[in-house]
């Protein structure tokens, strides 16, 4: 049970990090495109 919950927690955290990075990269590209 512990390993299963840790695996799911790690997977959730990993997906969350990926989503955050994608959102950060999108924000960076948007700001550079507007020239601000």
N, C-alpha and C. Protein backbone atom coordinates (compact mmCIF):
# COMPACT_ATOMS: atom_id res chain seq x y z
N UNK A 1 0.85 -1.20 0.00
CA UNK A 1 0.00 0.00 0.00
C UNK A 1 0.88 1.25 0.00
N UNK A 2 1.94 1.23 0.81
CA UNK A 2 2.82 2.40 0.90
C UNK A 2 3.48 2.66 -0.46
N UNK A 3 4.02 1.60 -1.07
CA UNK A 3 4.69 1.77 -2.34
C UNK A 3 3.71 2.25 -3.41
N UNK A 4 2.49 1.71 -3.37
CA UNK A 4 1.48 2.09 -4.35
C UNK A 4 1.12 3.56 -4.21
N UNK A 5 0.90 4.00 -2.97
CA UNK A 5 0.52 5.39 -2.74
C UNK A 5 1.68 6.32 -3.10
N UNK A 6 2.90 5.90 -2.80
CA UNK A 6 4.06 6.72 -3.13
C UNK A 6 4.21 6.82 -4.64
N UNK A 7 3.97 5.72 -5.33
CA UNK A 7 4.07 5.71 -6.78
C UNK A 7 3.06 6.66 -7.40
N UNK A 8 1.84 6.62 -6.87
CA UNK A 8 0.79 7.50 -7.40
C UNK A 8 1.11 8.95 -7.07
N UNK A 9 1.63 9.19 -5.87
CA UNK A 9 1.97 10.55 -5.46
C UNK A 9 3.09 11.09 -6.35
N UNK A 10 4.09 10.24 -6.63
CA UNK A 10 5.21 10.66 -7.48
C UNK A 10 4.71 10.96 -8.89
N UNK A 11 3.81 10.09 -9.38
CA UNK A 11 3.29 10.29 -10.74
C UNK A 11 2.50 11.59 -10.81
N UNK A 12 1.71 11.86 -9.77
CA UNK A 12 0.91 13.09 -9.73
C UNK A 12 1.83 14.31 -9.67
N UNK A 13 2.86 14.23 -8.84
CA UNK A 13 3.80 15.34 -8.70
C UNK A 13 4.54 15.57 -10.01
N UNK A 14 4.92 14.47 -10.67
CA UNK A 14 5.65 14.57 -11.93
C UNK A 14 4.78 15.25 -12.99
N UNK A 15 3.51 14.85 -13.06
CA UNK A 15 2.60 15.45 -14.02
C UNK A 15 2.38 16.92 -13.70
N UNK A 16 2.31 17.24 -12.41
CA UNK A 16 2.10 18.61 -11.99
C UNK A 16 3.29 19.47 -12.39
N UNK A 17 4.49 18.92 -12.22
CA UNK A 17 5.71 19.66 -12.59
C UNK A 17 5.73 19.89 -14.09
N UNK A 18 5.37 18.87 -14.86
CA UNK A 18 5.36 19.01 -16.32
C UNK A 18 4.39 20.10 -16.74
N UNK A 19 3.21 20.10 -16.13
CA UNK A 19 2.19 21.10 -16.47
C UNK A 19 2.68 22.50 -16.12
N UNK A 20 3.35 22.61 -14.97
CA UNK A 20 3.87 23.90 -14.54
C UNK A 20 4.96 24.40 -15.49
N UNK A 21 5.83 23.50 -15.91
CA UNK A 21 6.91 23.87 -16.83
C UNK A 21 6.33 24.31 -18.17
N UNK A 22 5.35 23.57 -18.67
CA UNK A 22 4.73 23.93 -19.94
C UNK A 22 4.07 25.30 -19.84
N UNK A 23 3.39 25.55 -18.73
CA UNK A 23 2.72 26.83 -18.53
C UNK A 23 3.76 27.96 -18.42
N UNK A 24 4.88 27.67 -17.78
CA UNK A 24 5.95 28.66 -17.62
C UNK A 24 6.57 28.98 -18.98
N UNK A 25 6.83 27.93 -19.77
CA UNK A 25 7.42 28.12 -21.09
C UNK A 25 6.48 28.91 -21.98
N UNK A 26 5.18 28.62 -21.87
CA UNK A 26 4.19 29.32 -22.69
C UNK A 26 4.16 30.79 -22.31
N UNK A 27 4.24 31.07 -21.02
CA UNK A 27 4.22 32.45 -20.54
C UNK A 27 5.47 33.18 -21.03
N UNK A 28 6.59 32.51 -21.03
CA UNK A 28 7.85 33.12 -21.47
C UNK A 28 7.78 33.43 -22.96
N UNK A 29 7.26 32.51 -23.75
CA UNK A 29 7.17 32.72 -25.19
C UNK A 29 6.17 33.83 -25.50
N UNK A 30 5.09 33.89 -24.73
CA UNK A 30 4.09 34.94 -24.95
C UNK A 30 4.69 36.31 -24.66
N UNK A 31 5.41 36.42 -23.56
CA UNK A 31 5.98 37.71 -23.17
C UNK A 31 7.05 38.15 -24.18
N UNK A 32 7.81 37.19 -24.71
CA UNK A 32 8.85 37.53 -25.67
C UNK A 32 8.22 37.91 -27.01
N UNK A 33 7.07 37.29 -27.34
CA UNK A 33 6.40 37.60 -28.60
C UNK A 33 5.81 39.00 -28.57
N UNK A 34 5.34 39.44 -27.42
CA UNK A 34 4.75 40.77 -27.30
C UNK A 34 5.86 41.82 -27.20
N UNK A 35 7.07 41.39 -26.91
CA UNK A 35 8.21 42.29 -26.86
C UNK A 35 8.29 43.06 -25.56
N UNK A 36 7.54 42.65 -24.56
CA UNK A 36 7.58 43.36 -23.28
C UNK A 36 8.59 42.71 -22.36
